Amino acid sequence: MTVTTQNKISITRIQFPEIKLLTRDAHKLRGYFGNLFKEHSPILHNHYEDGSLRYRYPAVQYKVLNGVPTLIGIGEGAGLLPQLFLKIREITLDGDTYPISSKNIQHNQQQIGFSEELQSYSFDTLWMALNQDNHKTYIHLASAIEKKKMLNSIIVGHVLSLFSNMNIMLDPDQRLMAMTQLQEKSTKFKDNTMIAFTGEFVINAHIPDGLGLGKSVSRGFGTVKKM
C-alpha cells in the first residue's frame, strides 16, 4: 500500500443502511463478496489465484457496525471498492436475498502514523488480541496488572504491524506507548471459544476510523473508532 509523505491514506467506507445484520455476520459478507468478485483482485479475499494466502494487512475489510453492513477499503482497496460495489443491486447471505436501493459511500484521506500527543480510541467490535502462543502466557498471569501490561504491549505491536504494512517507518526516537482499559469477553471463532476484548485505549499514534487491529480484521474484528 502506498502512503503519501504526509502519512495520510485513502479510505473508502461503503454502508448498506437498509440491511440489518448481526455483528457476527461479517464473515458472511466477506465470503459472499470475496466469491462474487474473486476474478477481480486478490485483495478482496486475501487469496491469490492458486489458493495461497496473501500475507498482507487486508486492504478490504468486511464489518457489521451498529447492525449495518460496512465495507472498508484502505489504500488500493479504497480505489477498488467504488468500481465494483456501485453495481451491486442485491446481496444473498445464507439463502436470504436483500435488495439494495441505496448505499452510503464516503471517500477521504485520513491521518496515520506517529502522534506527538496521546489519542483516545474505542473498539467498535471485539479485539482478538491473543494468538496461540501468547494466549497461554496471558491465562497463566496471576494478576490483573500483569495482564494489563501484556495487553498494552500487544496493542503497540499490532499498531506497529499496521504501520509496517502501510510502509510507515517510525524514527528511532518515535516510540509508541499505550494504556488500555479493557474487559474480557468470550466469542466463537471457527467453532472455538476465544478470549476477546472490548473497551478503550490511548496511544501516541494516529489510526484511521474503521481500521481493524489484531486477528481476523478482514472479518470485522478489532475495529477502531476515535473518541
C-alpha atoms as a PDB file:
ATOM      1  CA  MET A   1       0.000   0.000   0.000  1.00  0.00           C
ATOM      2  CA  THR A   2       1.221   3.483  -0.806  1.00  0.00           C
ATOM      3  CA  VAL A   3       1.072   6.258   1.776  1.00  0.00           C
ATOM      4  CA  THR A   4       1.694   9.904   0.981  1.00  0.00           C
ATOM      5  CA  THR A   5       4.582  11.819   2.506  1.00  0.00           C
ATOM      6  CA  GLN A   6       2.121  13.477   4.882  1.00  0.00           C
ATOM      7  CA  ASN A   7       1.260   9.997   6.222  1.00  0.00           C
ATOM      8  CA  LYS A   8      -2.304  10.111   5.029  1.00  0.00           C
ATOM      9  CA  ILE A   9      -4.011   7.177   3.404  1.00  0.00           C
ATOM     10  CA  SER A  10      -7.088   6.817   1.227  1.00  0.00           C
ATOM     11  CA  ILE A  11     -10.077   5.250   2.982  1.00  0.00           C
ATOM     12  CA  THR A  12     -13.398   4.292   1.367  1.00  0.00           C
ATOM     13  CA  ARG A  13     -16.355   3.290   3.513  1.00  0.00           C
ATOM     14  CA  ILE A  14     -19.450   1.716   1.910  1.00  0.00           C
ATOM     15  CA  GLN A  15     -22.547   1.025   4.010  1.00  0.00           C
ATOM     16  CA  PHE A  16     -25.848  -0.624   3.145  1.00  0.00           C
ATOM     17  CA  PRO A  17     -28.218   1.132   5.587  1.00  0.00           C
ATOM     18  CA  GLU A  18     -31.361  -0.754   4.556  1.00  0.00           C
ATOM     19  CA  ILE A  19     -29.936  -4.102   5.693  1.00  0.00           C
ATOM     20  CA  LYS A  20     -29.703  -5.075   9.362  1.00  0.00           C
ATOM     21  CA  LEU A  21     -27.330  -7.880  10.358  1.00  0.00           C
ATOM     22  CA  LEU A  22     -25.663  -9.201  13.490  1.00  0.00           C
ATOM     23  CA  THR A  23     -22.032  -8.308  14.217  1.00  0.00           C
ATOM     24  CA  ARG A  24     -21.051 -11.952  13.807  1.00  0.00           C
ATOM     25  CA  ASP A  25     -22.422 -11.959  10.232  1.00  0.00           C
ATOM     26  CA  ALA A  26     -19.370 -10.022   8.979  1.00  0.00           C
ATOM     27  CA  HIS A  27     -17.707 -13.249   7.794  1.00  0.00           C
ATOM     28  CA  LYS A  28     -20.749 -13.936   5.595  1.00  0.00           C
ATOM     29  CA  LEU A  29     -20.218 -10.596   3.845  1.00  0.00           C
ATOM     30  CA  ARG A  30     -16.578 -11.477   3.278  1.00  0.00           C
ATOM     31  CA  GLY A  31     -17.488 -14.876   1.857  1.00  0.00           C
ATOM     32  CA  TYR A  32     -20.209 -13.512  -0.407  1.00  0.00           C
ATOM     33  CA  PHE A  33     -18.287 -10.585  -1.880  1.00  0.00           C
ATOM     34  CA  GLY A  34     -14.983 -12.423  -1.990  1.00  0.00           C
ATOM     35  CA  ASN A  35     -16.618 -15.129  -4.107  1.00  0.00           C
ATOM     36  CA  LEU A  36     -18.659 -12.703  -6.228  1.00  0.00           C
ATOM     37  CA  PHE A  37     -15.608 -10.698  -7.245  1.00  0.00           C
ATOM     38  CA  LYS A  38     -12.940 -13.395  -6.964  1.00  0.00           C
ATOM     39  CA  GLU A  39     -11.805 -12.809 -10.542  1.00  0.00           C
ATOM     40  CA  HIS A  40     -11.160  -9.094  -9.975  1.00  0.00           C
ATOM     41  CA  SER A  41      -8.477  -8.887  -7.284  1.00  0.00           C
ATOM     42  CA  PRO A  42      -6.896 -10.989  -4.519  1.00  0.00           C
ATOM     43  CA  ILE A  43      -7.219  -8.051  -2.116  1.00  0.00           C
ATOM     44  CA  LEU A  44     -10.968  -8.691  -1.872  1.00  0.00           C
ATOM     45  CA  HIS A  45     -10.451 -12.039  -0.144  1.00  0.00           C
ATOM     46  CA  ASN A  46      -6.697 -12.172   0.625  1.00  0.00           C
ATOM     47  CA  HIS A  47      -6.080 -15.220  -1.568  1.00  0.00           C
ATOM     48  CA  TYR A  48      -4.187 -15.485  -4.830  1.00  0.00           C
ATOM     49  CA  GLU A  49      -5.449 -17.412  -7.866  1.00  0.00           C
ATOM     50  CA  ASP A  50      -3.580 -20.570  -6.823  1.00  0.00           C
ATOM     51  CA  GLY A  51      -5.361 -20.520  -3.455  1.00  0.00           C
ATOM     52  CA  SER A  52      -2.338 -19.392  -1.451  1.00  0.00           C
ATOM     53  CA  LEU A  53      -2.818 -16.768   1.246  1.00  0.00           C
ATOM     54  CA  ARG A  54      -1.930 -13.118   0.687  1.00  0.00           C
ATOM     55  CA  TYR A  55       0.065 -12.344   3.846  1.00  0.00           C
ATOM     56  CA  ARG A  56      -0.626  -8.633   4.000  1.00  0.00           C
ATOM     57  CA  TYR A  57      -2.828  -6.396   6.094  1.00  0.00           C
ATOM     58  CA  PRO A  58      -6.288  -6.737   4.471  1.00  0.00           C
ATOM     59  CA  ALA A  59      -6.931  -3.830   2.083  1.00  0.00           C
ATOM     60  CA  VAL A  60     -10.660  -4.620   2.163  1.00  0.00           C
ATOM     61  CA  GLN A  61     -12.389  -5.340   5.477  1.00  0.00           C
ATOM     62  CA  TYR A  62     -15.961  -6.551   5.995  1.00  0.00           C
ATOM     63  CA  LYS A  63     -17.810  -5.456   9.126  1.00  0.00           C
ATOM     64  CA  VAL A  64     -21.223  -5.081  10.703  1.00  0.00           C
ATOM     65  CA  LEU A  65     -21.176  -1.820  12.700  1.00  0.00           C
ATOM     66  CA  ASN A  66     -24.261  -0.960  14.752  1.00  0.00           C
ATOM     67  CA  GLY A  67     -26.172  -3.521  12.712  1.00  0.00           C
ATOM     68  CA  VAL A  68     -25.207  -2.022   9.344  1.00  0.00           C
ATOM     69  CA  PRO A  69     -23.144  -3.992   6.780  1.00  0.00           C
ATOM     70  CA  THR A  70     -19.971  -1.950   6.218  1.00  0.00           C
ATOM     71  CA  LEU A  71     -17.013  -2.366   3.878  1.00  0.00           C
ATOM     72  CA  ILE A  72     -13.754  -0.529   4.478  1.00  0.00           C
ATOM     73  CA  GLY A  73     -11.213  -0.145   1.676  1.00  0.00           C
ATOM     74  CA  ILE A  74      -7.689   1.019   2.506  1.00  0.00           C
ATOM     75  CA  GLY A  75      -5.089   2.234   0.008  1.00  0.00           C
ATOM     76  CA  GLU A  76      -5.531   0.221  -3.185  1.00  0.00           C
ATOM     77  CA  GLY A  77      -8.709  -1.214  -1.700  1.00  0.00           C
ATOM     78  CA  ALA A  78     -10.136   2.303  -1.410  1.00  0.00           C
ATOM     79  CA  GLY A  79      -9.933   2.715  -5.182  1.00  0.00           C
ATOM     80  CA  LEU A  80     -11.284  -0.737  -5.964  1.00  0.00           C
ATOM     81  CA  LEU A  81     -14.426  -0.712  -3.827  1.00  0.00           C
ATOM     82  CA  PRO A  82     -16.459   2.011  -5.595  1.00  0.00           C
ATOM     83  CA  GLN A  83     -15.758   0.484  -9.041  1.00  0.00           C
ATOM     84  CA  LEU A  84     -17.273  -2.844  -8.018  1.00  0.00           C
ATOM     85  CA  PHE A  85     -19.868  -2.057  -5.399  1.00  0.00           C
ATOM     86  CA  LEU A  86     -21.735   0.715  -7.204  1.00  0.00           C
ATOM     87  CA  LYS A  87     -23.016  -2.104  -9.426  1.00  0.00           C
ATOM     88  CA  ILE A  88     -24.454  -4.151  -6.554  1.00  0.00           C
ATOM     89  CA  ARG A  89     -28.265  -4.420  -6.597  1.00  0.00           C
ATOM     90  CA  GLU A  90     -28.730  -7.219  -4.070  1.00  0.00           C
ATOM     91  CA  ILE A  91     -26.860  -9.344  -1.532  1.00  0.00           C
ATOM     92  CA  THR A  92     -27.550 -13.009  -0.823  1.00  0.00           C
ATOM     93  CA  LEU A  93     -26.500 -14.417   2.557  1.00  0.00           C
ATOM     94  CA  ASP A  94     -27.416 -17.924   3.749  1.00  0.00           C
ATOM     95  CA  GLY A  95     -30.099 -18.148   1.080  1.00  0.00           C
ATOM     96  CA  ASP A  96     -31.730 -14.839   2.031  1.00  0.00           C
ATOM     97  CA  THR A  97     -31.642 -12.140  -0.662  1.00  0.00           C
ATOM     98  CA  TYR A  98     -31.557  -8.496   0.410  1.00  0.00           C
ATOM     99  CA  PRO A  99     -32.431  -5.935  -2.308  1.00  0.00           C
ATOM    100  CA  ILE A 100     -30.322  -2.767  -2.248  1.00  0.00           C
ATOM    101  CA  SER A 101     -31.692   0.555  -3.404  1.00  0.00           C
ATOM    102  CA  SER A 102     -29.286   2.832  -1.524  1.00  0.00           C
ATOM    103  CA  LYS A 103     -25.663   2.880  -0.452  1.00  0.00           C
ATOM    104  CA  ASN A 104     -23.705   5.332   1.635  1.00  0.00           C
ATOM    105  CA  ILE A 105     -20.228   5.889   0.216  1.00  0.00           C
ATOM    106  CA  GLN A 106     -17.541   8.026   1.860  1.00  0.00           C
ATOM    107  CA  HIS A 107     -14.056   8.526   0.500  1.00  0.00           C
ATOM    108  CA  ASN A 108     -11.397  10.617   2.214  1.00  0.00           C
ATOM    109  CA  GLN A 109      -7.772  10.875   3.266  1.00  0.00           C
ATOM    110  CA  GLN A 110      -7.090  10.057   6.911  1.00  0.00           C
ATOM    111  CA  GLN A 111      -4.014  10.632   9.002  1.00  0.00           C
ATOM    112  CA  ILE A 112      -1.966   7.631  10.066  1.00  0.00           C
ATOM    113  CA  GLY A 113       1.326   7.288  11.896  1.00  0.00           C
ATOM    114  CA  PHE A 114       3.130   8.645  14.938  1.00  0.00           C
ATOM    115  CA  SER A 115       1.434  11.340  17.049  1.00  0.00           C
ATOM    116  CA  GLU A 116       3.128  13.826  19.351  1.00  0.00           C
ATOM    117  CA  GLU A 117       0.054  13.649  21.588  1.00  0.00           C
ATOM    118  CA  LEU A 118      -1.932  10.763  23.020  1.00  0.00           C
ATOM    119  CA  GLN A 119      -5.012   9.801  21.012  1.00  0.00           C
ATOM    120  CA  SER A 120      -8.043   8.024  22.507  1.00  0.00           C
ATOM    121  CA  TYR A 121      -9.817   5.143  20.779  1.00  0.00           C
ATOM    122  CA  SER A 122     -12.506   2.580  21.478  1.00  0.00           C
ATOM    123  CA  PHE A 123     -13.178  -0.800  19.907  1.00  0.00           C
ATOM    124  CA  ASP A 124     -16.371  -0.892  17.829  1.00  0.00           C
ATOM    125  CA  THR A 125     -16.044  -4.667  17.554  1.00  0.00           C
ATOM    126  CA  LEU A 126     -14.267  -7.257  19.692  1.00  0.00           C
ATOM    127  CA  TRP A 127     -10.469  -7.132  19.621  1.00  0.00           C
ATOM    128  CA  MET A 128      -8.836 -10.539  19.113  1.00  0.00           C
ATOM    129  CA  ALA A 129      -5.580  -9.742  20.854  1.00  0.00           C
ATOM    130  CA  LEU A 130      -4.198 -13.192  21.539  1.00  0.00           C
ATOM    131  CA  ASN A 131      -2.619 -15.786  19.283  1.00  0.00           C
ATOM    132  CA  GLN A 132      -1.834 -19.411  20.033  1.00  0.00           C
ATOM    133  CA  ASP A 133       1.443 -18.577  21.747  1.00  0.00           C
ATOM    134  CA  ASN A 134       0.611 -15.563  23.901  1.00  0.00           C
ATOM    135  CA  HIS A 135      -2.810 -16.952  24.861  1.00  0.00           C
ATOM    136  CA  LYS A 136      -1.114 -19.478  27.152  1.00  0.00           C
ATOM    137  CA  THR A 137       1.044 -16.776  28.694  1.00  0.00           C
ATOM    138  CA  TYR A 138      -1.948 -14.492  29.273  1.00  0.00           C
ATOM    139  CA  ILE A 139      -4.181 -17.029  31.047  1.00  0.00           C
ATOM    140  CA  HIS A 140      -1.347 -18.023  33.388  1.00  0.00           C
ATOM    141  CA  LEU A 141      -0.630 -14.473  34.548  1.00  0.00           C
ATOM    142  CA  ALA A 142      -1.569 -14.137  38.190  1.00  0.00           C
ATOM    143  CA  SER A 143      -2.624 -10.508  38.451  1.00  0.00           C
ATOM    144  CA  ALA A 144      -4.814  -8.063  36.540  1.00  0.00           C
ATOM    145  CA  ILE A 145      -1.881  -5.619  36.470  1.00  0.00           C
ATOM    146  CA  GLU A 146       0.329  -8.154  34.659  1.00  0.00           C
ATOM    147  CA  LYS A 147      -2.441  -8.887  32.173  1.00  0.00           C
ATOM    148  CA  LYS A 148      -2.946  -5.185  31.517  1.00  0.00           C
ATOM    149  CA  LYS A 149       0.783  -4.669  30.909  1.00  0.00           C
ATOM    150  CA  MET A 150       0.741  -7.529  28.452  1.00  0.00           C
ATOM    151  CA  LEU A 151      -2.270  -6.117  26.577  1.00  0.00           C
ATOM    152  CA  ASN A 152      -0.610  -2.676  26.482  1.00  0.00           C
ATOM    153  CA  SER A 153       2.400  -4.277  24.824  1.00  0.00           C
ATOM    154  CA  ILE A 154       0.296  -6.337  22.393  1.00  0.00           C
ATOM    155  CA  ILE A 155      -1.667  -3.345  21.153  1.00  0.00           C
ATOM    156  CA  VAL A 156       1.573  -1.453  20.482  1.00  0.00           C
ATOM    157  CA  GLY A 157       2.741  -4.439  18.460  1.00  0.00           C
ATOM    158  CA  HIS A 158      -0.493  -4.521  16.469  1.00  0.00           C
ATOM    159  CA  VAL A 159      -0.256  -0.811  15.650  1.00  0.00           C
ATOM    160  CA  LEU A 160       3.391  -1.189  14.609  1.00  0.00           C
ATOM    161  CA  SER A 161       2.392  -4.107  12.385  1.00  0.00           C
ATOM    162  CA  LEU A 162      -0.313  -1.942  10.801  1.00  0.00           C
ATOM    163  CA  PHE A 163       2.204   0.847  10.152  1.00  0.00           C
ATOM    164  CA  SER A 164       4.712  -1.584   8.670  1.00  0.00           C
ATOM    165  CA  ASN A 165       2.098  -2.911   6.248  1.00  0.00           C
ATOM    166  CA  MET A 166       1.340   0.679   5.224  1.00  0.00           C
ATOM    167  CA  ASN A 167       5.058   1.321   4.582  1.00  0.00           C
ATOM    168  CA  ILE A 168       5.244   3.752   7.503  1.00  0.00           C
ATOM    169  CA  MET A 169       8.591   3.673   9.278  1.00  0.00           C
ATOM    170  CA  LEU A 170       8.967   5.433  12.612  1.00  0.00           C
ATOM    171  CA  ASP A 171      12.114   7.354  13.550  1.00  0.00           C
ATOM    172  CA  PRO A 172      14.250   5.778  16.303  1.00  0.00           C
ATOM    173  CA  ASP A 173      13.008   8.353  18.827  1.00  0.00           C
ATOM    174  CA  GLN A 174       9.341   7.757  17.944  1.00  0.00           C
ATOM    175  CA  ARG A 175       8.418   5.056  20.438  1.00  0.00           C
ATOM    176  CA  LEU A 176       4.805   4.048  20.855  1.00  0.00           C
ATOM    177  CA  MET A 177       3.234   3.829  24.305  1.00  0.00           C
ATOM    178  CA  ALA A 178      -0.277   2.587  25.061  1.00  0.00           C
ATOM    179  CA  MET A 179      -2.620   2.275  28.016  1.00  0.00           C
ATOM    180  CA  THR A 180      -5.660   0.020  27.788  1.00  0.00           C
ATOM    181  CA  GLN A 181      -8.961  -0.101  29.681  1.00  0.00           C
ATOM    182  CA  LEU A 182     -10.419  -3.390  28.509  1.00  0.00           C
ATOM    183  CA  GLN A 183     -12.913  -6.031  29.534  1.00  0.00           C
ATOM    184  CA  GLU A 184     -12.579  -9.709  28.704  1.00  0.00           C
ATOM    185  CA  LYS A 185     -15.271 -11.301  26.579  1.00  0.00           C
ATOM    186  CA  SER A 186     -15.648 -14.725  25.044  1.00  0.00           C
ATOM    187  CA  THR A 187     -16.520 -15.206  21.396  1.00  0.00           C
ATOM    188  CA  LYS A 188     -16.996 -18.067  18.979  1.00  0.00           C
ATOM    189  CA  PHE A 189     -14.455 -18.167  16.166  1.00  0.00           C
ATOM    190  CA  LYS A 190     -14.368 -21.090  13.716  1.00  0.00           C
ATOM    191  CA  ASP A 191     -16.273 -23.205  16.263  1.00  0.00           C
ATOM    192  CA  ASN A 192     -13.745 -22.443  19.011  1.00  0.00           C
ATOM    193  CA  THR A 193     -14.382 -20.296  22.089  1.00  0.00           C
ATOM    194  CA  MET A 194     -11.802 -17.500  22.195  1.00  0.00           C
ATOM    195  CA  ILE A 195     -10.912 -14.710  24.586  1.00  0.00           C
ATOM    196  CA  ALA A 196     -11.525 -11.286  23.067  1.00  0.00           C
ATOM    197  CA  PHE A 197     -11.683  -7.766  24.462  1.00  0.00           C
ATOM    198  CA  THR A 198     -13.849  -4.686  24.369  1.00  0.00           C
ATOM    199  CA  GLY A 199     -13.126  -1.237  25.753  1.00  0.00           C
ATOM    200  CA  GLU A 200     -10.813   1.706  25.145  1.00  0.00           C
ATOM    201  CA  PHE A 201      -7.147   2.619  24.827  1.00  0.00           C
ATOM    202  CA  VAL A 202      -4.896   5.619  24.422  1.00  0.00           C
ATOM    203  CA  ILE A 203      -1.745   5.622  22.289  1.00  0.00           C
ATOM    204  CA  ASN A 204       0.567   8.166  20.717  1.00  0.00           C
ATOM    205  CA  ALA A 205      -0.498   7.208  17.190  1.00  0.00           C
ATOM    206  CA  HIS A 206      -2.990   8.225  14.537  1.00  0.00           C
ATOM    207  CA  ILE A 207      -5.213   5.293  13.476  1.00  0.00           C
ATOM    208  CA  PRO A 208      -7.921   5.911  10.858  1.00  0.00           C
ATOM    209  CA  ASP A 209     -11.507   5.213  11.917  1.00  0.00           C
ATOM    210  CA  GLY A 210     -12.790   1.825  10.856  1.00  0.00           C
ATOM    211  CA  LEU A 211      -9.464   0.028  10.536  1.00  0.00           C
ATOM    212  CA  GLY A 212      -9.016  -3.227  12.397  1.00  0.00           C
ATOM    213  CA  LEU A 213      -6.245  -4.307  14.763  1.00  0.00           C
ATOM    214  CA  GLY A 214      -5.261  -7.840  15.749  1.00  0.00           C
ATOM    215  CA  LYS A 215      -6.519 -11.129  14.375  1.00  0.00           C
ATOM    216  CA  SER A 216      -9.201 -11.563  11.702  1.00  0.00           C
ATOM    217  CA  VAL A 217      -9.645  -7.888  10.864  1.00  0.00           C
ATOM    218  CA  SER A 218     -10.986  -8.834   7.409  1.00  0.00           C
ATOM    219  CA  ARG A 219     -13.928 -10.459   9.230  1.00  0.00           C
ATOM    220  CA  GLY A 220     -14.630  -7.318  11.234  1.00  0.00           C
ATOM    221  CA  PHE A 221     -12.731  -7.941  14.477  1.00  0.00           C
ATOM    222  CA  GLY A 222     -10.776  -5.202  16.262  1.00  0.00           C
ATOM    223  CA  THR A 223     -12.441  -2.235  14.554  1.00  0.00           C
ATOM    224  CA  VAL A 224     -11.088   1.026  15.960  1.00  0.00           C
ATOM    225  CA  LYS A 225     -13.014   4.259  16.434  1.00  0.00           C
ATOM    226  CA  LYS A 226     -11.506   7.555  17.558  1.00  0.00           C
ATOM    227  CA  MET A 227     -13.110   9.004  20.671  1.00  0.00           C
END
